[in-house]
Amino acid sequence: MSAEQILSAVRHRGVKALFEPEVIALAAGMRSIDWIADQAGATEEQTEAWKNTIEQFRQANGHNEDFEVFHDEPRAGNDANFTNDADFDPAFEQARAEADPKPEQPEPLQFIDVTAWDGQPVPEHKWTVLNRIPDEEVTLLSGDGGMGKSLLLKQLAVATVVGRDWIGTMPEPGPVIYVTAEEKRDELHYRLHHIARHYGVRLADLGDLHLCSLKGEDAVLAYPDRNGIIRPTTLYERLFLSARNVKPRWLGIDPSACVFAGKESDRTQVQQFIGLLARIALRCHCAVILVSHPSLVGMNTDTGLSGTTQWNNAVRSRLYLKRATTAEGDEPDPLLRELEVMKQNYGPVGERVRLRWRDGVFVPEHSATGSLERLAQDRKTDETFLALLKRFAEQGQDVNHKPGPSYAPALFAKHPEVGGLKRNDLAKAMQRLLDAGKIRIETGGKPSRQSFRLVMPGP
């Protein structure tokens, strides 16, 4: 590292550059180093810690006052004079050579010996979740805010740790690392309580689930330098070391907006960031699942993407959690979701898993009513039934569930606002509403001559 480079380093990278080995080695040969700390914008405490580090380096390498070869600071006020050989003692070249050895000559690429594979068993693709999440690859799980992506991922975490099914399939069992920058500890406790209850296990059984909440903290794993090159942060290196120690079956990161400080619309930066995650996947032998949010365009086009298409191109698997809607865009049930396999390099694409939120978790929905279009129509019929029941009650007209003069489906079918619904359609709606507790049967009169009427439960 040259004198010009050390000045550029501390100006561009600040205090972090002070503690880089090359800077410490070069600064150890200077008479005065306070001006370097000033250029880095270091505080008094940081400067003192840096000086202690340099002193330790000098002692370890036998440096003394005779080795100090630099003037106190640059003699002129511009960077050009900082590289002028006349400004330095002759011993500078020797000190710089020791601190900045010549780089080794690059070696040629190492190629794979394809002939060695002849006659060998062909390796099969490894999966964390069959046909959904490949092992040792990066998978993107996207979905609008509030869809339940984090909940679905925590369900997978518990299922992986305790060896249970996850929305109709079995994940490979093992430890899990889950890092969230959106949920605090209490929220994680609440969610995991309901998930553990769903699987019939205790929180004490989840010892292999390694949770980390970074809510309210700096959660950035990678950032662009002044040249736009994506650089890993210290937090990234800590996560990498944790993955090597834990050896998880998969590692979850939630969400991308909190951990990636680059431009989501920059193809090169996105590719480099996914490459850093792929490094963890390959070297730590685990799947990496990154949670993301789509843009308005991504939601309207049903692609689930945001920014550049490189988010889709760079990963080997992509899942999209969205509302369950009909072809016309109607949402038959706000508790329904669909998980769609949007991309799968090693398996089939287009799989759709319909899910229902129930008691704090998602469960596969196997509806007997058939298609989403049918569900949407049933919901509209139910809403019409409730509206007419309210209208009749306001008019003092009691209706009930028993065939006869006051039979609700028959009377509602004759109303001008029924919208063409038939008596049989309204009878099915009445039963659905009774089953769901949205209406109830109220009894009155004497025991020998009881009367009945349909009412909506009060608030």
Protein backbone atom coordinates (compact mmCIF):
# COMPACT_ATOMS: atom_id res chain seq x y z
CA MET A 1 0.00 0.00 0.00
CA SER A 2 1.42 3.39 -1.02
CA ALA A 3 1.19 6.61 0.96
CA GLU A 4 -1.40 7.90 -1.50
CA GLN A 5 -3.46 4.77 -1.03
CA ILE A 6 -3.41 5.00 2.77
CA LEU A 7 -4.70 8.57 2.59
CA SER A 8 -7.42 7.54 0.11
CA ALA A 9 -8.37 4.57 2.26
CA VAL A 10 -9.01 6.52 5.43
CA ARG A 11 -10.84 9.28 3.57
CA HIS A 12 -13.16 6.86 1.78
CA ARG A 13 -13.69 4.15 4.40
CA GLY A 14 -13.22 6.19 7.54
CA VAL A 15 -12.31 4.66 10.90
CA LYS A 16 -12.75 1.13 9.59
CA ALA A 17 -9.71 1.60 7.33
CA LEU A 18 -7.47 2.56 10.27
CA PHE A 19 -7.52 -1.00 11.56
CA GLU A 20 -6.81 -2.70 8.25
CA PRO A 21 -3.50 -4.65 8.40
CA GLU A 22 -1.91 -2.75 5.51
CA VAL A 23 -2.67 0.64 7.08
CA ILE A 24 -1.35 -0.46 10.49
CA ALA A 25 1.85 -1.83 8.97
CA LEU A 26 2.56 1.37 7.05
CA ALA A 27 1.59 3.69 9.92
CA ALA A 28 3.99 1.81 12.22
CA GLY A 29 6.90 3.39 10.32
CA MET A 30 5.70 6.98 10.65
CA ARG A 31 6.97 9.60 13.10
CA SER A 32 3.52 11.09 13.57
CA ILE A 33 0.17 9.45 12.92
CA ASP A 34 -2.35 11.83 14.46
CA TRP A 35 -3.09 13.44 11.11
CA ILE A 36 -4.15 10.05 9.68
CA ALA A 37 -6.71 9.62 12.44
CA ASP A 38 -7.93 13.16 11.76
CA GLN A 39 -8.40 12.34 8.07
CA ALA A 40 -10.47 9.27 9.08
CA GLY A 41 -12.67 11.34 11.38
CA ALA A 42 -11.78 9.21 14.41
CA THR A 43 -12.83 10.17 17.93
CA GLU A 44 -10.29 10.47 20.76
CA GLU A 45 -11.22 6.99 22.00
CA GLN A 46 -10.89 5.48 18.53
CA THR A 47 -7.56 7.24 17.96
CA GLU A 48 -6.20 5.95 21.27
CA ALA A 49 -7.28 2.38 20.46
CA TRP A 50 -5.67 2.65 17.03
CA LYS A 51 -2.39 3.92 18.49
CA ASN A 52 -2.33 1.01 20.94
CA THR A 53 -2.78 -1.40 18.04
CA ILE A 54 0.11 0.22 16.15
CA GLU A 55 2.33 0.08 19.25
CA GLN A 56 1.60 -3.64 19.61
CA PHE A 57 2.52 -4.10 15.94
CA ARG A 58 5.79 -2.24 16.43
CA GLN A 59 6.74 -4.34 19.43
CA ALA A 60 5.88 -7.55 17.66
CA ASN A 61 7.96 -6.59 14.61
CA GLY A 62 10.95 -4.99 16.35
CA HIS A 63 10.19 -1.45 15.22
CA ASN A 64 11.95 1.40 17.06
CA GLU A 65 12.58 5.10 16.57
CA ASP A 66 15.21 4.42 13.93
CA PHE A 67 12.52 2.77 11.84
CA GLU A 68 10.31 5.86 11.81
CA VAL A 69 10.85 7.22 8.35
CA PHE A 70 8.00 9.66 7.62
CA HIS A 71 7.63 13.34 8.29
CA ASP A 72 4.90 14.36 10.73
CA GLU A 73 2.38 14.99 7.95
CA PRO A 74 2.27 15.91 4.25
CA ARG A 75 4.29 19.06 3.60
CA ALA A 76 1.89 20.46 1.05
CA GLY A 77 -1.84 20.79 1.06
CA ASN A 78 -2.55 18.55 -1.92
CA ASP A 79 -2.49 14.82 -2.53
CA ALA A 80 0.07 15.11 -5.33
CA ASN A 81 2.84 16.15 -2.92
CA PHE A 82 1.99 13.19 -0.74
CA THR A 83 3.48 10.88 -3.35
CA ASN A 84 6.54 13.00 -4.10
CA ASP A 85 9.66 10.95 -3.28
CA ALA A 86 11.43 14.13 -2.16
CA ASP A 87 9.03 14.38 0.76
CA PHE A 88 10.23 11.13 2.34
CA ASP A 89 13.39 9.67 3.80
CA PRO A 90 15.23 7.08 1.67
CA ALA A 91 14.13 4.37 4.06
CA PHE A 92 10.53 4.91 2.94
CA GLU A 93 10.85 2.56 -0.04
CA GLN A 94 12.04 -0.24 2.20
CA ALA A 95 9.21 0.33 4.69
CA ARG A 96 6.62 0.47 1.94
CA ALA A 97 7.96 -2.70 0.36
CA GLU A 98 7.65 -4.53 3.66
CA ALA A 99 4.12 -3.22 4.25
CA ASP A 100 2.98 -3.70 0.67
CA PRO A 101 4.66 -6.75 -0.85
CA LYS A 102 4.32 -7.35 -4.56
CA PRO A 103 1.26 -9.41 -5.44
CA GLU A 104 1.85 -12.95 -6.53
CA GLN A 105 1.43 -13.80 -10.17
CA PRO A 106 -2.09 -15.09 -10.86
CA GLU A 107 -2.51 -18.78 -11.49
CA PRO A 108 -4.54 -20.22 -14.38
CA LEU A 109 -8.05 -21.50 -13.75
CA GLN A 110 -8.49 -25.01 -12.43
CA PHE A 111 -10.71 -27.05 -14.72
CA ILE A 112 -12.90 -29.99 -13.86
CA ASP A 113 -11.74 -33.36 -15.13
CA VAL A 114 -14.97 -34.48 -16.76
CA THR A 115 -13.48 -37.85 -17.72
CA ALA A 116 -13.24 -38.76 -14.02
CA TRP A 117 -17.04 -38.84 -13.92
CA ASP A 118 -17.18 -41.68 -16.43
CA GLY A 119 -18.82 -44.69 -14.81
CA GLN A 120 -19.53 -42.81 -11.57
CA PRO A 121 -23.04 -42.58 -10.05
CA VAL A 122 -24.88 -39.47 -11.21
CA PRO A 123 -25.61 -37.25 -8.19
CA GLU A 124 -29.25 -36.40 -7.55
CA HIS A 125 -30.44 -32.93 -6.69
CA LYS A 126 -30.62 -32.37 -2.94
CA TRP A 127 -33.67 -30.70 -1.45
CA THR A 128 -34.48 -28.96 1.79
CA VAL A 129 -38.17 -29.12 0.81
CA LEU A 130 -38.87 -31.36 -2.16
CA ASN A 131 -39.60 -29.45 -5.39
CA ARG A 132 -39.84 -26.16 -3.47
CA ILE A 133 -36.56 -25.29 -1.74
CA PRO A 134 -33.29 -26.75 -3.13
CA ASP A 135 -30.37 -27.43 -0.81
CA GLU A 136 -27.19 -25.31 -0.99
CA GLU A 137 -28.99 -22.67 -3.08
CA VAL A 138 -30.70 -19.32 -2.50
CA THR A 139 -34.51 -19.26 -2.54
CA LEU A 140 -36.54 -16.04 -2.67
CA LEU A 141 -39.85 -15.96 -0.78
CA SER A 142 -41.81 -12.87 -1.81
CA GLY A 143 -45.21 -11.51 -0.90
CA ASP A 144 -47.02 -8.31 -0.03
CA GLY A 145 -46.81 -6.96 3.51
CA GLY A 146 -49.23 -8.71 5.84
CA MET A 147 -49.54 -11.82 3.66
CA GLY A 148 -47.90 -14.02 6.28
CA LYS A 149 -44.48 -14.71 4.75
CA SER A 150 -42.72 -14.54 8.10
CA LEU A 151 -45.32 -16.77 9.73
CA LEU A 152 -45.03 -19.32 6.95
CA LEU A 153 -41.25 -19.32 7.26
CA LYS A 154 -41.38 -19.77 11.04
CA GLN A 155 -43.75 -22.70 10.52
CA LEU A 156 -41.13 -24.23 8.24
CA ALA A 157 -38.49 -23.58 10.91
CA VAL A 158 -40.43 -25.47 13.58
CA ALA A 159 -41.36 -28.27 11.16
CA THR A 160 -37.69 -28.66 10.20
CA VAL A 161 -36.49 -28.74 13.80
CA VAL A 162 -39.09 -31.23 15.11
CA GLY A 163 -39.43 -33.30 11.92
CA ARG A 164 -43.06 -32.54 11.04
CA ASP A 165 -44.89 -31.72 7.81
CA TRP A 166 -45.01 -28.25 6.34
CA ILE A 167 -48.13 -27.38 4.32
CA GLY A 168 -48.41 -30.83 2.82
CA THR A 169 -44.77 -31.87 2.43
CA MET A 170 -41.91 -33.04 4.65
CA PRO A 171 -38.79 -30.84 4.98
CA GLU A 172 -35.44 -32.44 5.67
CA PRO A 173 -34.99 -32.31 9.47
CA GLY A 174 -32.18 -30.42 11.16
CA PRO A 175 -31.18 -27.15 12.84
CA VAL A 176 -32.37 -23.78 11.54
CA ILE A 177 -31.03 -20.23 11.74
CA TYR A 178 -33.69 -17.52 11.40
CA VAL A 179 -32.64 -13.85 11.34
CA THR A 180 -35.38 -11.21 11.36
CA ALA A 181 -35.05 -7.45 11.24
CA GLU A 182 -38.81 -6.85 11.53
CA GLU A 183 -40.01 -8.75 14.58
CA LYS A 184 -39.11 -8.16 18.20
CA ARG A 185 -38.63 -10.90 20.79
CA ASP A 186 -42.19 -10.75 22.19
CA GLU A 187 -43.69 -11.12 18.73
CA LEU A 188 -41.46 -14.10 18.01
CA HIS A 189 -42.53 -15.66 21.32
CA TYR A 190 -46.20 -15.16 20.46
CA ARG A 191 -45.87 -16.65 16.97
CA LEU A 192 -43.82 -19.64 18.06
CA HIS A 193 -46.25 -20.41 20.88
CA HIS A 194 -49.09 -20.87 18.40
CA ILE A 195 -46.94 -22.81 15.94
CA ALA A 196 -45.67 -25.15 18.65
CA ARG A 197 -49.26 -25.73 19.82
CA HIS A 198 -50.26 -26.55 16.24
CA TYR A 199 -47.56 -29.22 16.03
CA GLY A 200 -48.25 -30.53 19.51
CA VAL A 201 -44.78 -29.72 20.85
CA ARG A 202 -43.36 -27.46 23.56
CA LEU A 203 -41.05 -24.52 23.11
CA ALA A 204 -38.53 -26.58 25.08
CA ASP A 205 -38.42 -28.93 22.07
CA LEU A 206 -37.09 -26.18 19.79
CA GLY A 207 -33.48 -26.13 20.96
CA ASP A 208 -32.19 -26.43 17.38
CA LEU A 209 -34.03 -23.28 16.30
CA HIS A 210 -31.52 -20.42 16.42
CA LEU A 211 -33.44 -17.12 16.41
CA CYS A 212 -31.88 -13.68 16.06
CA SER A 213 -33.90 -10.46 16.22
CA LEU A 214 -32.21 -7.36 14.78
CA LYS A 215 -35.28 -5.13 14.98
CA GLY A 216 -34.16 -1.59 15.80
CA GLU A 217 -30.51 -2.39 15.00
CA ASP A 218 -28.27 -2.05 11.97
CA ALA A 219 -29.14 -5.21 10.04
CA VAL A 220 -27.22 -4.46 6.82
CA LEU A 221 -25.32 -7.48 5.49
CA ALA A 222 -23.95 -5.82 2.34
CA TYR A 223 -23.51 -2.31 0.99
CA PRO A 224 -22.12 -0.66 -2.17
CA ASP A 225 -18.74 1.07 -1.94
CA ARG A 226 -17.93 4.30 -3.79
CA ASN A 227 -17.44 2.32 -6.99
CA GLY A 228 -20.79 0.53 -6.66
CA ILE A 229 -19.19 -2.80 -5.74
CA ILE A 230 -21.18 -4.71 -3.08
CA ARG A 231 -19.12 -5.32 0.06
CA PRO A 232 -20.03 -7.59 2.99
CA THR A 233 -20.35 -6.04 6.43
CA THR A 234 -19.03 -7.37 9.73
CA LEU A 235 -22.55 -8.61 10.44
CA TYR A 236 -22.41 -10.71 7.28
CA GLU A 237 -19.14 -12.30 8.41
CA ARG A 238 -20.65 -13.00 11.83
CA LEU A 239 -23.63 -14.67 10.16
CA PHE A 240 -21.29 -16.71 7.96
CA LEU A 241 -19.32 -17.92 11.00
CA SER A 242 -22.55 -18.76 12.85
CA ALA A 243 -23.73 -20.86 9.92
CA ARG A 244 -20.43 -22.73 9.85
CA ASN A 245 -20.73 -23.47 13.57
CA VAL A 246 -24.44 -24.37 13.68
CA LYS A 247 -24.51 -26.27 10.35
CA PRO A 248 -28.22 -25.50 9.76
CA ARG A 249 -30.44 -27.30 7.30
CA TRP A 250 -31.45 -23.82 6.13
CA LEU A 251 -30.89 -20.17 7.02
CA GLY A 252 -33.69 -17.61 6.80
CA ILE A 253 -33.16 -13.86 6.36
CA ASP A 254 -36.16 -11.53 6.72
CA PRO A 255 -36.49 -9.16 4.88
CA SER A 256 -34.21 -8.14 2.00
CA ALA A 257 -35.05 -4.43 2.37
CA CYS A 258 -33.38 -4.35 5.79
CA VAL A 259 -30.23 -6.32 4.94
CA PHE A 260 -29.36 -5.10 1.42
CA ALA A 261 -28.19 -1.46 1.26
CA GLY A 262 -27.69 -1.43 -2.50
CA LYS A 263 -30.13 -0.47 -5.25
CA GLU A 264 -32.75 -3.14 -5.79
CA SER A 265 -33.07 -1.96 -9.40
CA ASP A 266 -29.34 -2.41 -10.14
CA ARG A 267 -28.82 -5.80 -11.81
CA THR A 268 -25.11 -5.98 -10.98
CA GLN A 269 -25.53 -5.07 -7.32
CA VAL A 270 -28.41 -7.51 -6.87
CA GLN A 271 -26.36 -10.28 -8.50
CA GLN A 272 -23.41 -9.59 -6.21
CA PHE A 273 -25.62 -9.61 -3.12
CA ILE A 274 -27.24 -12.92 -4.05
CA GLY A 275 -23.70 -14.17 -4.72
CA LEU A 276 -22.76 -13.40 -1.12
CA LEU A 277 -25.75 -15.40 0.10
CA ALA A 278 -24.83 -18.23 -2.28
CA ARG A 279 -21.37 -18.26 -0.67
CA ILE A 280 -23.02 -19.09 2.66
CA ALA A 281 -25.21 -21.73 1.03
CA LEU A 282 -22.30 -23.49 -0.68
CA ARG A 283 -19.67 -23.29 2.03
CA CYS A 284 -22.01 -24.00 4.91
CA HIS A 285 -23.98 -26.70 3.02
CA CYS A 286 -27.40 -25.22 3.70
CA ALA A 287 -30.26 -23.58 1.87
CA VAL A 288 -30.65 -19.81 2.23
CA ILE A 289 -34.18 -18.35 2.15
CA LEU A 290 -34.49 -14.61 1.62
CA VAL A 291 -37.82 -12.87 2.27
CA SER A 292 -38.75 -9.90 0.05
CA HIS A 293 -41.66 -7.58 -0.72
CA PRO A 294 -42.92 -6.99 -4.28
CA SER A 295 -43.46 -3.56 -5.77
CA LEU A 296 -46.89 -2.31 -6.84
CA VAL A 297 -46.02 -3.37 -10.37
CA GLY A 298 -44.98 -6.79 -9.09
CA MET A 299 -48.32 -7.20 -7.33
CA ASN A 300 -50.41 -5.91 -10.23
CA THR A 301 -48.63 -8.14 -12.74
CA ASP A 302 -48.75 -11.11 -10.34
CA THR A 303 -44.98 -11.64 -10.63
CA GLY A 304 -44.18 -10.85 -7.01
CA LEU A 305 -41.00 -8.98 -7.98
CA SER A 306 -39.57 -5.59 -7.09
CA GLY A 307 -36.81 -3.71 -8.86
CA THR A 308 -34.74 -5.56 -11.44
CA THR A 309 -35.61 -8.99 -12.80
CA GLN A 310 -32.21 -10.10 -11.54
CA TRP A 311 -33.88 -10.94 -8.23
CA ASN A 312 -35.59 -13.71 -10.18
CA ASN A 313 -32.63 -14.60 -12.40
CA ALA A 314 -30.02 -14.82 -9.64
CA VAL A 315 -31.83 -17.33 -7.41
CA ARG A 316 -32.53 -20.97 -8.21
CA SER A 317 -35.97 -21.05 -6.60
CA ARG A 318 -38.66 -18.45 -6.02
CA LEU A 319 -41.91 -18.75 -4.09
CA TYR A 320 -44.73 -16.18 -4.08
CA LEU A 321 -47.29 -15.93 -1.27
CA LYS A 322 -50.38 -13.96 -2.31
CA ARG A 323 -54.09 -13.57 -1.73
CA ALA A 324 -56.32 -16.25 -3.20
CA THR A 325 -58.33 -14.48 -5.89
CA THR A 326 -60.46 -15.42 -8.86
CA ALA A 327 -59.58 -14.65 -12.48
CA GLU A 328 -61.65 -11.47 -12.12
CA GLY A 329 -59.63 -10.40 -9.06
CA ASP A 330 -62.34 -11.16 -6.49
CA GLU A 331 -61.13 -12.32 -3.07
CA PRO A 332 -63.55 -15.03 -1.89
CA ASP A 333 -62.13 -15.31 1.62
CA PRO A 334 -59.68 -12.93 3.40
CA LEU A 335 -58.25 -15.87 5.34
CA LEU A 336 -57.15 -17.71 2.18
CA ARG A 337 -53.67 -17.50 0.66
CA GLU A 338 -51.90 -19.18 -2.25
CA LEU A 339 -48.25 -20.17 -2.30
CA GLU A 340 -47.06 -20.48 -5.89
CA VAL A 341 -43.76 -21.88 -7.15
CA MET A 342 -42.76 -19.14 -9.60
CA LYS A 343 -39.30 -20.50 -10.44
CA GLN A 344 -37.63 -23.84 -9.86
CA ASN A 345 -34.43 -24.72 -11.70
CA TYR A 346 -34.42 -28.32 -10.56
CA GLY A 347 -38.10 -29.20 -10.40
CA PRO A 348 -41.59 -28.39 -11.67
CA VAL A 349 -42.94 -24.83 -11.64
CA GLY A 350 -46.49 -23.62 -11.27
CA GLU A 351 -47.42 -25.62 -8.17
CA ARG A 352 -50.05 -23.80 -6.14
CA VAL A 353 -50.80 -24.58 -2.53
CA ARG A 354 -53.98 -23.05 -1.16
CA LEU A 355 -53.65 -22.15 2.53
CA ARG A 356 -56.05 -21.03 5.23
CA TRP A 357 -55.09 -19.03 8.30
CA ARG A 358 -56.48 -20.80 11.35
CA ASP A 359 -55.58 -20.45 15.04
CA GLY A 360 -52.36 -18.57 14.37
CA VAL A 361 -50.95 -20.82 11.61
CA PHE A 362 -51.46 -21.66 7.94
CA VAL A 363 -52.97 -25.03 7.08
CA PRO A 364 -53.59 -26.55 3.62
CA GLU A 365 -57.09 -25.81 2.39
CA HIS A 366 -58.94 -28.75 0.90
CA SER A 367 -62.26 -27.06 0.19
CA ALA A 368 -65.20 -29.16 -0.88
CA THR A 369 -66.68 -26.19 -2.70
CA GLY A 370 -64.15 -26.44 -5.50
CA SER A 371 -62.70 -23.50 -7.37
CA LEU A 372 -62.00 -19.98 -6.14
CA GLU A 373 -64.74 -18.76 -8.48
CA ARG A 374 -67.24 -20.93 -6.59
CA LEU A 375 -65.91 -19.68 -3.26
CA ALA A 376 -66.29 -16.09 -4.45
CA GLN A 377 -69.88 -16.71 -5.54
CA ASP A 378 -70.72 -18.38 -2.22
CA ARG A 379 -69.33 -15.38 -0.36
CA LYS A 380 -71.49 -12.98 -2.39
CA THR A 381 -74.55 -15.16 -1.71
CA ASP A 382 -73.77 -15.14 2.02
CA GLU A 383 -73.48 -11.34 1.98
CA THR A 384 -76.82 -11.03 0.17
CA PHE A 385 -78.49 -13.33 2.72
CA LEU A 386 -77.15 -11.26 5.64
CA ALA A 387 -78.22 -7.99 4.01
CA LEU A 388 -81.78 -9.26 3.45
CA LEU A 389 -81.98 -10.68 6.97
CA LYS A 390 -81.07 -7.27 8.35
CA ARG A 391 -83.61 -5.56 6.05
CA PHE A 392 -86.43 -7.88 7.11
CA ALA A 393 -85.56 -7.44 10.81
CA GLU A 394 -85.67 -3.64 10.48
CA GLN A 395 -89.14 -3.98 8.92
CA GLY A 396 -90.35 -6.26 11.74
CA GLN A 397 -90.60 -9.33 9.51
CA ASP A 398 -89.38 -12.42 11.33
CA VAL A 399 -87.98 -15.26 9.22
CA ASN A 400 -86.73 -18.66 10.29
CA HIS A 401 -84.94 -21.82 9.16
CA LYS A 402 -87.98 -24.11 8.95
CA PRO A 403 -89.86 -24.63 5.67
CA GLY A 404 -93.18 -22.83 5.88
CA PRO A 405 -94.66 -19.35 5.55
CA SER A 406 -91.64 -17.72 7.27
CA TYR A 407 -88.93 -19.78 5.59
CA ALA A 408 -86.08 -17.30 5.00
CA PRO A 409 -84.68 -18.71 1.70
CA ALA A 410 -88.14 -18.75 0.11
CA LEU A 411 -89.01 -15.18 1.17
CA PHE A 412 -85.57 -13.81 0.24
CA ALA A 413 -85.73 -15.42 -3.23
CA LYS A 414 -88.79 -13.26 -4.00
CA HIS A 415 -87.15 -9.99 -2.93
CA PRO A 416 -86.24 -7.57 -5.76
CA GLU A 417 -82.70 -7.13 -4.40
CA VAL A 418 -81.86 -10.82 -4.40
CA GLY A 419 -79.91 -10.47 -7.63
CA GLY A 420 -81.24 -13.58 -9.36
CA LEU A 421 -80.29 -16.00 -6.57
CA LYS A 422 -82.46 -19.08 -6.25
CA ARG A 423 -84.10 -20.51 -3.15
CA ASN A 424 -81.65 -23.43 -3.08
CA ASP A 425 -78.64 -21.07 -3.26
CA LEU A 426 -80.01 -19.09 -0.30
CA ALA A 427 -80.69 -22.27 1.68
CA LYS A 428 -77.04 -23.30 1.32
CA ALA A 429 -75.95 -19.82 2.36
CA MET A 430 -78.14 -20.02 5.46
CA GLN A 431 -76.50 -23.27 6.51
CA ARG A 432 -73.00 -21.92 5.91
CA LEU A 433 -73.80 -18.86 8.01
CA LEU A 434 -75.24 -21.01 10.80
CA ASP A 435 -72.15 -23.22 10.77
CA ALA A 436 -69.89 -20.18 10.90
CA GLY A 437 -71.84 -18.62 13.80
CA LYS A 438 -72.69 -15.52 11.77
CA ILE A 439 -76.41 -16.09 12.34
CA ARG A 440 -78.27 -18.08 15.00
CA ILE A 441 -81.73 -19.45 15.72
CA GLU A 442 -83.60 -17.66 18.49
CA THR A 443 -86.52 -19.45 20.15
CA GLY A 444 -89.57 -17.91 21.84
CA GLY A 445 -93.13 -18.62 22.90
CA LYS A 446 -94.45 -21.36 25.16
CA PRO A 447 -92.80 -24.80 25.25
CA SER A 448 -95.96 -26.26 23.75
CA ARG A 449 -95.95 -23.77 20.92
CA GLN A 450 -92.44 -22.54 20.29
CA SER A 451 -91.58 -19.95 17.70
CA PHE A 452 -88.28 -19.51 15.88
CA ARG A 453 -86.52 -16.68 14.12
CA LEU A 454 -83.15 -16.09 12.55
CA VAL A 455 -81.05 -13.31 14.06
CA MET A 456 -77.53 -12.01 13.77
CA PRO A 457 -75.50 -12.19 17.00
CA GLY A 458 -74.98 -8.87 18.68
CA PRO A 459 -71.54 -7.22 19.07
